[in-house]
């Protein structure tokens, strides 16, 4: 009986190697919780990050169904690693994150019933992109700390669409690498809001090799 060969990402992230990425998830989530606490002026708790390798098909199920509306924020990575960092938010989580951003930036709150992600205004879009910069930057900083690699995020782009449509855009440039990505999920809670952050690390193949080598793990 023959088995399909593992794609490069699956090959890299075997169970005995995933623990170091759990640590990256812990540091990144801790950085993000600290950043949110500083913005809010209150304690922000975080859950233990769920870190695992998932296929693009699994991402769809994580967020609901292919038709589930989500807010996707995509940042490029430059420097020692090239590729993308994707943040996906359910609509309710996007509203709560926007509420934090508006409070931090001194803007009036928006009532939940008035929040329409399909018709988001430029000010709110800018606020969400800035929050994504902060949160994703927290995870990139953790990767830099663990690897000593110099990685810089590009300006984020925001899309409100069905999760299947957003993933189709990403997979066009990613298909040559494989079907699997590193998934990191953490819940942030300040007693009034409970936000689930879904983060997906999508470097190009050469960057995967460089990342694994910097952590003392070759692709074999």
N, C-alpha and C. Protein backbone atom coordinates (compact mmCIF):
# COMPACT_ATOMS: atom_id res chain seq x y z
N UNK A 1 0.85 -1.20 0.00
CA UNK A 1 0.00 0.00 0.00
C UNK A 1 0.88 1.25 0.00
N UNK A 2 0.64 2.14 -0.92
CA UNK A 2 1.43 3.37 -1.01
C UNK A 2 0.71 4.51 -0.34
N UNK A 3 1.48 5.51 0.11
CA UNK A 3 0.91 6.68 0.75
C UNK A 3 1.32 7.93 -0.03
N UNK A 4 0.42 8.89 -0.05
CA UNK A 4 0.75 10.15 -0.68
C UNK A 4 1.89 10.81 0.09
N UNK A 5 2.90 11.36 -0.63
CA UNK A 5 4.00 12.02 0.09
C UNK A 5 3.50 13.26 0.81
N UNK A 6 4.13 13.55 1.94
CA UNK A 6 3.78 14.75 2.68
C UNK A 6 4.20 15.97 1.89
N UNK A 7 3.37 17.03 1.92
CA UNK A 7 3.83 18.27 1.30
C UNK A 7 4.89 18.89 2.21
N UNK A 8 5.68 19.85 1.72
CA UNK A 8 6.80 20.38 2.50
C UNK A 8 6.41 20.91 3.87
N UNK A 9 5.23 21.50 3.98
CA UNK A 9 4.82 22.05 5.26
C UNK A 9 4.51 20.94 6.25
N UNK A 10 3.78 19.91 5.78
CA UNK A 10 3.49 18.77 6.65
C UNK A 10 4.79 18.08 7.08
N UNK A 11 5.73 17.99 6.14
CA UNK A 11 7.00 17.35 6.44
C UNK A 11 7.74 18.13 7.53
N UNK A 12 7.66 19.45 7.46
CA UNK A 12 8.37 20.29 8.42
C UNK A 12 7.76 20.22 9.80
N UNK A 13 6.43 20.24 9.85
CA UNK A 13 5.76 20.36 11.14
C UNK A 13 5.20 19.02 11.62
N UNK A 14 6.08 18.10 11.90
CA UNK A 14 5.67 16.86 12.52
C UNK A 14 5.46 17.09 14.01
N UNK A 15 4.80 16.13 14.66
CA UNK A 15 4.39 16.31 16.06
C UNK A 15 5.56 16.66 16.97
N UNK A 16 6.72 16.02 16.75
CA UNK A 16 7.83 16.25 17.65
C UNK A 16 8.51 17.58 17.40
N UNK A 17 8.14 18.24 16.29
CA UNK A 17 8.73 19.54 15.97
C UNK A 17 7.77 20.69 16.25
N UNK A 18 6.50 20.36 16.48
CA UNK A 18 5.50 21.40 16.61
C UNK A 18 5.60 22.15 17.93
N UNK A 19 6.26 21.57 18.93
CA UNK A 19 6.32 22.20 20.25
C UNK A 19 6.99 23.57 20.21
N UNK A 20 7.98 23.71 19.34
CA UNK A 20 8.66 25.01 19.28
C UNK A 20 7.74 26.07 18.70
N UNK A 21 6.83 25.67 17.82
CA UNK A 21 5.87 26.63 17.29
C UNK A 21 4.76 26.93 18.29
N UNK A 22 4.51 25.97 19.18
CA UNK A 22 3.61 26.26 20.31
C UNK A 22 4.22 27.36 21.17
N UNK A 23 5.54 27.29 21.37
CA UNK A 23 6.21 28.33 22.15
C UNK A 23 6.15 29.68 21.43
N UNK A 24 6.34 29.67 20.12
CA UNK A 24 6.20 30.91 19.34
C UNK A 24 4.78 31.46 19.50
N UNK A 25 3.79 30.55 19.46
CA UNK A 25 2.40 30.98 19.66
C UNK A 25 2.19 31.58 21.03
N UNK A 26 2.80 30.98 22.05
CA UNK A 26 2.68 31.50 23.41
C UNK A 26 3.28 32.90 23.53
N UNK A 27 4.49 33.07 22.99
CA UNK A 27 5.14 34.37 23.06
C UNK A 27 4.37 35.41 22.25
N UNK A 28 3.95 35.02 21.03
CA UNK A 28 3.21 35.95 20.20
C UNK A 28 1.90 36.38 20.82
N UNK A 29 1.16 35.43 21.39
CA UNK A 29 -0.11 35.76 22.04
C UNK A 29 0.13 36.62 23.27
N UNK A 30 1.20 36.33 24.01
CA UNK A 30 1.53 37.17 25.17
C UNK A 30 1.85 38.59 24.76
N UNK A 31 2.63 38.73 23.68
CA UNK A 31 2.93 40.07 23.16
C UNK A 31 1.66 40.80 22.75
N UNK A 32 0.76 40.07 22.08
CA UNK A 32 -0.48 40.68 21.60
C UNK A 32 -1.36 41.10 22.77
N UNK A 33 -1.47 40.23 23.80
CA UNK A 33 -2.29 40.56 24.97
C UNK A 33 -1.73 41.79 25.68
N UNK A 34 -0.41 41.89 25.78
CA UNK A 34 0.21 43.06 26.41
C UNK A 34 -0.08 44.32 25.61
N UNK A 35 0.00 44.22 24.29
CA UNK A 35 -0.28 45.39 23.45
C UNK A 35 -1.73 45.85 23.61
N UNK A 36 -2.67 44.89 23.65
CA UNK A 36 -4.07 45.24 23.83
C UNK A 36 -4.31 45.84 25.22
N UNK A 37 -3.66 45.28 26.25
CA UNK A 37 -3.81 45.79 27.61
C UNK A 37 -3.30 47.22 27.71
N UNK A 38 -2.20 47.49 27.02
CA UNK A 38 -1.64 48.85 27.03
C UNK A 38 -2.60 49.84 26.37
N UNK A 39 -3.21 49.41 25.28
CA UNK A 39 -4.16 50.28 24.58
C UNK A 39 -5.40 50.54 25.41
N UNK A 40 -5.86 49.51 26.13
CA UNK A 40 -7.11 49.62 26.89
C UNK A 40 -6.91 50.16 28.31
N UNK A 41 -5.67 50.04 28.79
CA UNK A 41 -5.43 50.44 30.18
C UNK A 41 -6.07 49.48 31.17
N UNK A 42 -6.18 48.21 30.78
CA UNK A 42 -6.75 47.20 31.67
C UNK A 42 -6.12 45.86 31.35
N UNK A 43 -6.31 44.90 32.25
CA UNK A 43 -5.74 43.57 32.06
C UNK A 43 -6.47 42.85 30.93
N UNK A 44 -5.71 42.21 30.06
CA UNK A 44 -6.27 41.38 29.00
C UNK A 44 -5.71 39.97 29.17
N UNK A 45 -6.60 39.01 29.39
CA UNK A 45 -6.20 37.61 29.51
C UNK A 45 -6.19 36.95 28.14
N UNK A 46 -5.41 35.89 28.03
CA UNK A 46 -5.38 35.14 26.77
C UNK A 46 -5.51 33.66 27.07
N UNK A 47 -6.06 32.93 26.12
CA UNK A 47 -6.13 31.48 26.25
C UNK A 47 -4.81 30.87 25.80
N UNK A 48 -4.58 29.61 26.17
CA UNK A 48 -3.42 28.90 25.64
C UNK A 48 -3.60 28.76 24.13
N UNK A 49 -2.63 29.22 23.35
CA UNK A 49 -2.80 29.18 21.89
C UNK A 49 -2.99 27.76 21.36
N UNK A 50 -3.86 27.64 20.39
CA UNK A 50 -4.04 26.39 19.64
C UNK A 50 -3.14 26.50 18.42
N UNK A 51 -2.08 25.72 18.38
CA UNK A 51 -1.10 25.80 17.29
C UNK A 51 -1.06 24.44 16.59
N UNK A 52 -1.32 24.43 15.31
CA UNK A 52 -1.30 23.18 14.56
C UNK A 52 -1.16 23.46 13.07
N UNK A 53 -0.89 22.42 12.33
CA UNK A 53 -0.83 22.50 10.87
C UNK A 53 -2.20 22.13 10.32
N UNK A 54 -2.72 22.98 9.44
CA UNK A 54 -4.04 22.72 8.86
C UNK A 54 -3.97 22.89 7.35
N UNK A 55 -4.88 22.25 6.66
CA UNK A 55 -5.02 22.43 5.22
C UNK A 55 -5.92 23.63 4.96
N UNK A 56 -5.88 24.12 3.74
CA UNK A 56 -6.77 25.23 3.39
C UNK A 56 -8.22 24.82 3.54
N UNK A 57 -8.54 23.56 3.26
CA UNK A 57 -9.90 23.10 3.44
C UNK A 57 -10.32 23.17 4.91
N UNK A 58 -9.39 22.86 5.81
CA UNK A 58 -9.69 22.94 7.24
C UNK A 58 -9.91 24.38 7.69
N UNK A 59 -9.21 25.32 7.07
CA UNK A 59 -9.41 26.73 7.42
C UNK A 59 -10.87 27.10 7.20
N UNK A 60 -11.42 26.64 6.10
CA UNK A 60 -12.82 26.93 5.80
C UNK A 60 -13.72 26.42 6.92
N UNK A 61 -13.46 25.21 7.41
CA UNK A 61 -14.29 24.63 8.46
C UNK A 61 -14.05 25.32 9.80
N UNK A 62 -12.82 25.78 10.04
CA UNK A 62 -12.53 26.51 11.27
C UNK A 62 -13.40 27.75 11.36
N UNK A 63 -13.60 28.40 10.23
CA UNK A 63 -14.37 29.65 10.21
C UNK A 63 -15.85 29.42 9.96
N UNK A 64 -16.26 28.19 9.68
CA UNK A 64 -17.68 27.91 9.45
C UNK A 64 -17.89 27.09 8.20
N UNK A 65 -18.32 27.74 7.13
CA UNK A 65 -18.51 27.11 5.82
C UNK A 65 -17.87 28.01 4.77
N UNK A 66 -17.72 27.54 3.54
CA UNK A 66 -17.14 28.41 2.50
C UNK A 66 -17.90 29.71 2.31
N UNK A 67 -19.20 29.71 2.66
CA UNK A 67 -20.02 30.91 2.47
C UNK A 67 -20.03 31.83 3.69
N UNK A 68 -19.35 31.46 4.77
CA UNK A 68 -19.34 32.29 5.97
C UNK A 68 -18.63 33.62 5.68
N UNK A 69 -19.29 34.72 6.02
CA UNK A 69 -18.68 36.03 5.85
C UNK A 69 -17.64 36.27 6.95
N UNK A 70 -16.47 36.70 6.55
CA UNK A 70 -15.40 36.99 7.50
C UNK A 70 -14.70 38.28 7.08
N UNK A 71 -13.90 38.79 7.99
CA UNK A 71 -13.01 39.90 7.67
C UNK A 71 -11.61 39.32 7.60
N UNK A 72 -10.99 39.43 6.45
CA UNK A 72 -9.64 38.92 6.25
C UNK A 72 -8.67 40.07 6.13
N UNK A 73 -7.57 39.99 6.86
CA UNK A 73 -6.54 41.02 6.79
C UNK A 73 -5.24 40.31 6.46
N UNK A 74 -4.66 40.68 5.32
CA UNK A 74 -3.48 40.00 4.79
C UNK A 74 -2.29 40.96 4.80
N UNK A 75 -1.21 40.51 5.44
CA UNK A 75 0.04 41.26 5.46
C UNK A 75 1.11 40.45 4.76
N UNK A 76 1.92 41.12 3.97
CA UNK A 76 3.08 40.47 3.39
C UNK A 76 4.22 40.45 4.39
N UNK A 77 5.17 39.55 4.19
CA UNK A 77 6.38 39.50 4.99
C UNK A 77 7.57 39.74 4.08
N UNK A 78 8.51 40.56 4.54
CA UNK A 78 9.70 40.88 3.78
C UNK A 78 10.92 40.71 4.67
N UNK A 79 12.07 40.59 4.04
CA UNK A 79 13.30 40.44 4.81
C UNK A 79 13.76 39.00 4.76
N UNK A 80 14.08 38.42 5.91
CA UNK A 80 14.58 37.05 5.95
C UNK A 80 13.52 36.03 5.55
N UNK A 81 12.24 36.37 5.79
CA UNK A 81 11.14 35.50 5.36
C UNK A 81 10.24 36.28 4.40
N UNK A 82 9.82 35.61 3.37
CA UNK A 82 8.88 36.21 2.42
C UNK A 82 7.62 35.35 2.36
N UNK A 83 6.51 36.00 2.16
CA UNK A 83 5.23 35.29 2.11
C UNK A 83 4.15 36.15 2.71
N UNK A 84 3.20 35.52 3.41
CA UNK A 84 2.06 36.24 3.94
C UNK A 84 1.71 35.78 5.36
N UNK A 85 1.06 36.67 6.05
CA UNK A 85 0.47 36.36 7.36
C UNK A 85 -0.99 36.77 7.25
N UNK A 86 -1.88 35.81 7.35
CA UNK A 86 -3.32 36.05 7.19
C UNK A 86 -4.00 36.02 8.54
N UNK A 87 -4.82 37.03 8.80
CA UNK A 87 -5.63 37.08 10.01
C UNK A 87 -7.09 37.05 9.59
N UNK A 88 -7.85 36.09 10.11
CA UNK A 88 -9.27 35.97 9.80
C UNK A 88 -10.08 36.22 11.07
N UNK A 89 -11.12 37.04 10.93
CA UNK A 89 -11.99 37.38 12.05
C UNK A 89 -13.44 37.10 11.69
N UNK A 90 -14.15 36.43 12.60
CA UNK A 90 -15.60 36.37 12.47
C UNK A 90 -16.16 37.77 12.63
N UNK A 91 -17.36 38.00 12.12
CA UNK A 91 -17.93 39.36 12.14
C UNK A 91 -18.02 39.90 13.57
N UNK A 92 -18.49 39.09 14.52
CA UNK A 92 -18.61 39.56 15.90
C UNK A 92 -17.24 39.91 16.49
N UNK A 93 -16.22 39.10 16.17
CA UNK A 93 -14.88 39.39 16.67
C UNK A 93 -14.32 40.66 16.04
N UNK A 94 -14.63 40.89 14.76
CA UNK A 94 -14.19 42.11 14.11
C UNK A 94 -14.82 43.33 14.76
N UNK A 95 -16.09 43.22 15.11
CA UNK A 95 -16.77 44.33 15.80
C UNK A 95 -16.10 44.63 17.14
N UNK A 96 -15.80 43.58 17.91
CA UNK A 96 -15.18 43.78 19.21
C UNK A 96 -13.77 44.37 19.07
N UNK A 97 -13.03 43.91 18.06
CA UNK A 97 -11.69 44.45 17.84
C UNK A 97 -11.78 45.91 17.41
N UNK A 98 -12.76 46.22 16.59
CA UNK A 98 -12.96 47.61 16.18
C UNK A 98 -13.33 48.47 17.37
N UNK A 99 -14.13 47.94 18.28
CA UNK A 99 -14.50 48.70 19.48
C UNK A 99 -13.26 49.05 20.31
N UNK A 100 -12.33 48.08 20.42
CA UNK A 100 -11.08 48.35 21.13
C UNK A 100 -10.29 49.44 20.41
N UNK A 101 -10.22 49.34 19.09
CA UNK A 101 -9.47 50.32 18.32
C UNK A 101 -10.07 51.71 18.46
N UNK A 102 -11.40 51.80 18.38
CA UNK A 102 -12.05 53.11 18.50
C UNK A 102 -11.81 53.71 19.88
N UNK A 103 -11.88 52.89 20.91
CA UNK A 103 -11.63 53.40 22.25
C UNK A 103 -10.19 53.88 22.39
N UNK A 104 -9.25 53.10 21.84
CA UNK A 104 -7.84 53.46 21.95
C UNK A 104 -7.50 54.72 21.17
N UNK A 105 -8.18 54.92 20.04
CA UNK A 105 -7.89 56.07 19.20
C UNK A 105 -8.77 57.28 19.51
N UNK A 106 -9.57 57.18 20.58
CA UNK A 106 -10.39 58.30 21.00
C UNK A 106 -11.58 58.57 20.11
N UNK A 107 -12.09 57.53 19.46
CA UNK A 107 -13.24 57.67 18.57
C UNK A 107 -14.51 57.20 19.27
N UNK A 108 -15.65 57.74 18.85
CA UNK A 108 -16.93 57.33 19.42
C UNK A 108 -17.22 55.88 19.09
N UNK A 109 -17.85 55.14 20.00
CA UNK A 109 -18.18 53.74 19.71
C UNK A 109 -19.26 53.63 18.64
N UNK A 110 -19.32 52.47 18.02
CA UNK A 110 -20.35 52.15 17.04
C UNK A 110 -21.24 51.07 17.62
N UNK A 111 -22.54 51.26 17.58
CA UNK A 111 -23.48 50.26 18.09
C UNK A 111 -23.37 49.00 17.24
N UNK A 112 -23.47 47.84 17.89
CA UNK A 112 -23.33 46.58 17.16
C UNK A 112 -24.33 46.48 16.01
N UNK A 113 -25.54 46.96 16.24
CA UNK A 113 -26.55 46.86 15.18
C UNK A 113 -26.23 47.77 13.99
N UNK A 114 -25.35 48.74 14.20
CA UNK A 114 -24.98 49.65 13.12
C UNK A 114 -23.71 49.21 12.39
N UNK A 115 -23.09 48.13 12.87
CA UNK A 115 -21.85 47.66 12.26
C UNK A 115 -22.16 46.76 11.08
N UNK A 116 -21.83 47.22 9.90
CA UNK A 116 -22.06 46.45 8.67
C UNK A 116 -20.72 46.23 7.99
N UNK A 117 -20.12 45.06 8.17
CA UNK A 117 -18.78 44.84 7.60
C UNK A 117 -18.73 44.96 6.08
N UNK A 118 -19.87 44.70 5.42
CA UNK A 118 -19.89 44.80 3.97
C UNK A 118 -19.86 46.25 3.49
N UNK A 119 -20.11 47.17 4.40
CA UNK A 119 -20.12 48.59 4.04
C UNK A 119 -19.29 49.37 5.06
N UNK A 120 -18.13 48.85 5.38
CA UNK A 120 -17.28 49.45 6.40
C UNK A 120 -16.69 50.77 5.88
N UNK A 121 -16.70 51.79 6.73
CA UNK A 121 -16.21 53.08 6.25
C UNK A 121 -14.68 53.13 6.34
N UNK A 122 -14.05 54.06 5.60
CA UNK A 122 -12.58 54.09 5.54
C UNK A 122 -11.92 54.25 6.91
N UNK A 123 -12.54 55.00 7.81
CA UNK A 123 -11.95 55.20 9.14
C UNK A 123 -11.90 53.88 9.91
N UNK A 124 -13.00 53.13 9.89
CA UNK A 124 -13.02 51.85 10.59
C UNK A 124 -12.10 50.84 9.92
N UNK A 125 -12.03 50.87 8.60
CA UNK A 125 -11.11 49.98 7.90
C UNK A 125 -9.66 50.27 8.30
N UNK A 126 -9.33 51.55 8.39
CA UNK A 126 -7.99 51.94 8.80
C UNK A 126 -7.70 51.47 10.23
N UNK A 127 -8.70 51.59 11.11
CA UNK A 127 -8.52 51.18 12.51
C UNK A 127 -8.30 49.67 12.60
N UNK A 128 -9.05 48.89 11.83
CA UNK A 128 -8.87 47.44 11.85
C UNK A 128 -7.52 47.03 11.28
N UNK A 129 -7.09 47.73 10.22
CA UNK A 129 -5.78 47.41 9.66
C UNK A 129 -4.68 47.72 10.67
N UNK A 130 -4.84 48.81 11.42
CA UNK A 130 -3.84 49.14 12.43
C UNK A 130 -3.82 48.10 13.55
N UNK A 131 -4.98 47.62 13.94
CA UNK A 131 -5.03 46.56 14.96
C UNK A 131 -4.36 45.29 14.44
N UNK A 132 -4.58 44.97 13.16
CA UNK A 132 -3.93 43.80 12.58
C UNK A 132 -2.42 43.98 12.60
N UNK A 133 -1.95 45.19 12.30
CA UNK A 133 -0.52 45.47 12.38
C UNK A 133 0.03 45.14 13.76
N UNK A 134 -0.71 45.53 14.78
CA UNK A 134 -0.27 45.32 16.16
C UNK A 134 -0.27 43.84 16.52
N UNK A 135 -1.36 43.15 16.20
CA UNK A 135 -1.49 41.75 16.58
C UNK A 135 -0.54 40.86 15.78
N UNK A 136 -0.54 41.02 14.46
CA UNK A 136 0.36 40.20 13.64
C UNK A 136 1.81 40.54 13.96
N UNK A 137 2.07 41.83 14.19
CA UNK A 137 3.43 42.22 14.56
C UNK A 137 3.89 41.54 15.83
N UNK A 138 2.96 41.25 16.74
CA UNK A 138 3.30 40.54 17.98
C UNK A 138 3.79 39.13 17.69
N UNK A 139 3.15 38.46 16.74
CA UNK A 139 3.57 37.11 16.38
C UNK A 139 4.87 37.13 15.58
N UNK A 140 5.01 38.10 14.68
CA UNK A 140 6.26 38.20 13.92
C UNK A 140 7.43 38.50 14.85
N UNK A 141 7.19 39.33 15.87
CA UNK A 141 8.25 39.63 16.84
C UNK A 141 8.66 38.36 17.57
N UNK A 142 7.70 37.49 17.88
CA UNK A 142 8.02 36.22 18.54
C UNK A 142 8.87 35.34 17.64
N UNK A 143 8.53 35.30 16.34
CA UNK A 143 9.32 34.51 15.40
C UNK A 143 10.74 35.07 15.30
N UNK A 144 10.85 36.39 15.24
CA UNK A 144 12.17 37.02 15.19
C UNK A 144 12.99 36.67 16.43
N UNK A 145 12.35 36.70 17.60
CA UNK A 145 13.04 36.39 18.85
C UNK A 145 13.55 34.96 18.86
N UNK A 146 12.74 34.02 18.37
CA UNK A 146 13.11 32.61 18.41
C UNK A 146 14.12 32.23 17.34
N UNK A 147 14.16 32.99 16.24
CA UNK A 147 14.99 32.60 15.10
C UNK A 147 16.16 33.53 14.82
N UNK A 148 16.13 34.73 15.40
CA UNK A 148 17.12 35.77 15.09
C UNK A 148 17.06 36.21 13.64
N UNK A 149 15.92 36.00 13.01
CA UNK A 149 15.70 36.47 11.65
C UNK A 149 15.08 37.86 11.67
N UNK A 150 15.39 38.64 10.68
CA UNK A 150 14.84 40.00 10.56
C UNK A 150 13.67 39.95 9.59
N UNK A 151 12.46 40.13 10.11
CA UNK A 151 11.24 40.05 9.30
C UNK A 151 10.43 41.32 9.48
N UNK A 152 9.97 41.90 8.38
CA UNK A 152 9.16 43.11 8.44
C UNK A 152 7.82 42.87 7.75
N UNK A 153 6.72 43.33 8.36
CA UNK A 153 5.42 43.21 7.68
C UNK A 153 5.21 44.35 6.69
N UNK A 154 4.50 44.07 5.62
CA UNK A 154 4.09 45.12 4.69
C UNK A 154 2.77 45.72 5.16
N UNK A 155 2.32 46.75 4.46
CA UNK A 155 1.02 47.34 4.80
C UNK A 155 -0.09 46.32 4.59
N UNK A 156 -1.01 46.20 5.55
CA UNK A 156 -2.08 45.19 5.42
C UNK A 156 -3.16 45.61 4.45
N UNK A 157 -3.76 44.61 3.83
CA UNK A 157 -4.95 44.84 3.00
C UNK A 157 -6.12 44.14 3.68
N UNK A 158 -7.29 44.72 3.59
CA UNK A 158 -8.47 44.19 4.26
C UNK A 158 -9.52 43.81 3.24
N UNK A 159 -10.16 42.67 3.46
CA UNK A 159 -11.24 42.22 2.59
C UNK A 159 -12.37 41.68 3.43
N UNK A 160 -13.59 42.02 3.04
CA UNK A 160 -14.79 41.46 3.66
C UNK A 160 -15.44 40.58 2.60
N UNK A 161 -15.44 39.28 2.83
CA UNK A 161 -15.94 38.36 1.81
C UNK A 161 -16.21 37.01 2.45
N UNK A 162 -16.70 36.09 1.64
CA UNK A 162 -16.86 34.72 2.10
C UNK A 162 -15.47 34.11 2.30
N UNK A 163 -15.33 33.27 3.32
CA UNK A 163 -14.01 32.72 3.64
C UNK A 163 -13.44 31.95 2.45
N UNK A 164 -14.30 31.26 1.71
CA UNK A 164 -13.82 30.53 0.54
C UNK A 164 -13.20 31.44 -0.50
N UNK A 165 -13.81 32.61 -0.72
CA UNK A 165 -13.29 33.55 -1.71
C UNK A 165 -11.96 34.13 -1.27
N UNK A 166 -11.82 34.45 0.01
CA UNK A 166 -10.56 35.00 0.51
C UNK A 166 -9.45 33.96 0.39
N UNK A 167 -9.74 32.72 0.72
CA UNK A 167 -8.72 31.68 0.63
C UNK A 167 -8.33 31.40 -0.81
N UNK A 168 -9.26 31.55 -1.74
CA UNK A 168 -8.94 31.35 -3.15
C UNK A 168 -7.87 32.33 -3.61
N UNK A 169 -7.94 33.55 -3.12
CA UNK A 169 -6.94 34.56 -3.49
C UNK A 169 -5.56 34.15 -2.99
N UNK A 170 -5.50 33.63 -1.76
CA UNK A 170 -4.22 33.23 -1.18
C UNK A 170 -3.66 32.00 -1.87
N UNK A 171 -4.50 31.02 -2.16
CA UNK A 171 -4.01 29.76 -2.71
C UNK A 171 -3.48 29.90 -4.13
N UNK A 172 -3.87 30.93 -4.84
CA UNK A 172 -3.36 31.12 -6.21
C UNK A 172 -1.84 31.19 -6.21
N UNK A 173 -1.26 31.92 -5.25
CA UNK A 173 0.19 32.06 -5.20
C UNK A 173 0.85 31.01 -4.32
N UNK A 174 0.06 30.22 -3.60
CA UNK A 174 0.60 29.29 -2.62
C UNK A 174 0.58 27.83 -3.09
N UNK A 175 -0.15 27.55 -4.14
CA UNK A 175 -0.39 26.16 -4.53
C UNK A 175 0.90 25.40 -4.82
N UNK A 176 1.93 26.10 -5.28
CA UNK A 176 3.17 25.40 -5.63
C UNK A 176 3.90 24.88 -4.38
N UNK A 177 3.56 25.38 -3.20
CA UNK A 177 4.24 24.97 -1.98
C UNK A 177 3.57 23.75 -1.38
N UNK A 178 2.28 23.79 -1.23
CA UNK A 178 1.56 22.68 -0.61
C UNK A 178 0.18 23.12 -0.20
N UNK A 179 -0.47 22.25 0.55
CA UNK A 179 -1.85 22.50 0.94
C UNK A 179 -1.98 22.84 2.42
N UNK A 180 -0.85 22.93 3.13
CA UNK A 180 -0.90 23.10 4.59
C UNK A 180 -0.22 24.38 5.04
N UNK A 181 -0.77 24.96 6.10
CA UNK A 181 -0.20 26.18 6.67
C UNK A 181 -0.17 26.05 8.19
N UNK A 182 0.62 26.89 8.83
CA UNK A 182 0.68 26.90 10.28
C UNK A 182 -0.43 27.79 10.82
N UNK A 183 -1.26 27.23 11.70
CA UNK A 183 -2.43 27.92 12.25
C UNK A 183 -2.19 28.20 13.73
N UNK A 184 -2.42 29.44 14.15
CA UNK A 184 -2.30 29.82 15.55
C UNK A 184 -3.57 30.58 15.94
N UNK A 185 -4.29 30.06 16.94
CA UNK A 185 -5.52 30.69 17.39
C UNK A 185 -5.43 30.97 18.89
N UNK A 186 -5.81 32.19 19.26
CA UNK A 186 -5.83 32.58 20.66
C UNK A 186 -7.07 33.42 20.92
N UNK A 187 -7.65 33.27 22.11
CA UNK A 187 -8.76 34.12 22.53
C UNK A 187 -8.23 35.16 23.51
N UNK A 188 -8.63 36.41 23.28
CA UNK A 188 -8.25 37.52 24.15
C UNK A 188 -9.50 38.01 24.86
N UNK A 189 -9.39 38.20 26.19
CA UNK A 189 -10.57 38.53 26.99
C UNK A 189 -10.23 39.64 27.98
N UNK A 190 -11.10 40.68 27.99
CA UNK A 190 -10.92 41.77 28.97
C UNK A 190 -12.12 41.88 29.90
N UNK A 191 -12.85 40.79 30.08
CA UNK A 191 -14.07 40.63 30.88
C UNK A 191 -15.31 41.18 30.17
N UNK A 192 -15.14 42.07 29.22
CA UNK A 192 -16.28 42.59 28.46
C UNK A 192 -16.31 42.05 27.04
N UNK A 193 -15.15 41.73 26.51
CA UNK A 193 -15.04 41.23 25.14
C UNK A 193 -14.22 39.95 25.14
N UNK A 194 -14.58 39.05 24.25
CA UNK A 194 -13.86 37.79 24.08
C UNK A 194 -13.61 37.61 22.60
N UNK A 195 -12.40 37.92 22.17
CA UNK A 195 -12.08 37.96 20.75
C UNK A 195 -11.23 36.77 20.36
N UNK A 196 -11.64 36.05 19.33
CA UNK A 196 -10.86 34.94 18.80
C UNK A 196 -10.03 35.45 17.62
N UNK A 197 -8.71 35.35 17.76
CA UNK A 197 -7.82 35.72 16.68
C UNK A 197 -7.33 34.47 15.97
N UNK A 198 -7.56 34.40 14.66
CA UNK A 198 -7.13 33.26 13.85
C UNK A 198 -6.01 33.72 12.93
N UNK A 199 -4.82 33.19 13.14
CA UNK A 199 -3.64 33.64 12.40
C UNK A 199 -3.05 32.48 11.61
N UNK A 200 -2.66 32.76 10.37
CA UNK A 200 -2.12 31.74 9.49
C UNK A 200 -0.81 32.23 8.89
N UNK A 201 0.26 31.47 9.14
CA UNK A 201 1.59 31.81 8.64
C UNK A 201 1.81 31.12 7.30
N UNK A 202 2.09 31.90 6.25
CA UNK A 202 2.18 31.37 4.90
C UNK A 202 3.44 31.89 4.21
N UNK A 203 4.62 31.40 4.60
CA UNK A 203 5.83 31.80 3.88
C UNK A 203 5.96 31.07 2.55
N UNK A 204 6.83 31.60 1.66
CA UNK A 204 7.13 30.85 0.44
C UNK A 204 8.07 29.70 0.80
N UNK A 205 8.33 28.83 -0.19
CA UNK A 205 9.05 27.60 0.12
C UNK A 205 10.47 27.87 0.62
N UNK A 206 11.19 28.78 -0.02
CA UNK A 206 12.55 29.08 0.43
C UNK A 206 12.53 29.65 1.85
N UNK A 207 11.51 30.40 2.18
CA UNK A 207 11.40 30.95 3.53
C UNK A 207 11.09 29.85 4.54
N UNK A 208 10.29 28.85 4.14
CA UNK A 208 10.07 27.71 5.02
C UNK A 208 11.38 27.02 5.36
N UNK A 209 12.20 26.82 4.34
CA UNK A 209 13.49 26.18 4.56
C UNK A 209 14.34 27.01 5.52
N UNK A 210 14.37 28.33 5.29
CA UNK A 210 15.17 29.21 6.13
C UNK A 210 14.64 29.22 7.57
N UNK A 211 13.32 29.23 7.71
CA UNK A 211 12.71 29.23 9.04
C UNK A 211 13.07 27.96 9.80
N UNK A 212 12.95 26.82 9.15
CA UNK A 212 13.24 25.56 9.82
C UNK A 212 14.71 25.44 10.17
N UNK A 213 15.58 25.88 9.25
CA UNK A 213 17.01 25.82 9.52
C UNK A 213 17.39 26.72 10.70
N UNK A 214 16.74 27.89 10.79
CA UNK A 214 17.05 28.81 11.88
C UNK A 214 16.62 28.26 13.23
N UNK A 215 15.68 27.29 13.20
CA UNK A 215 15.21 26.66 14.44
C UNK A 215 15.91 25.31 14.67
N UNK A 216 16.89 25.03 13.82
CA UNK A 216 17.63 23.79 14.00
C UNK A 216 16.91 22.56 13.47
N UNK A 217 15.96 22.80 12.55
CA UNK A 217 15.18 21.69 11.99
C UNK A 217 15.20 21.79 10.49
N UNK A 218 15.80 20.81 9.83
CA UNK A 218 15.81 20.80 8.37
C UNK A 218 14.53 20.19 7.83
N UNK A 219 14.32 20.39 6.54
CA UNK A 219 13.13 19.78 5.90
C UNK A 219 13.36 18.33 5.51
N UNK A 220 14.58 17.84 5.68
CA UNK A 220 14.82 16.43 5.38
C UNK A 220 15.03 16.17 3.91
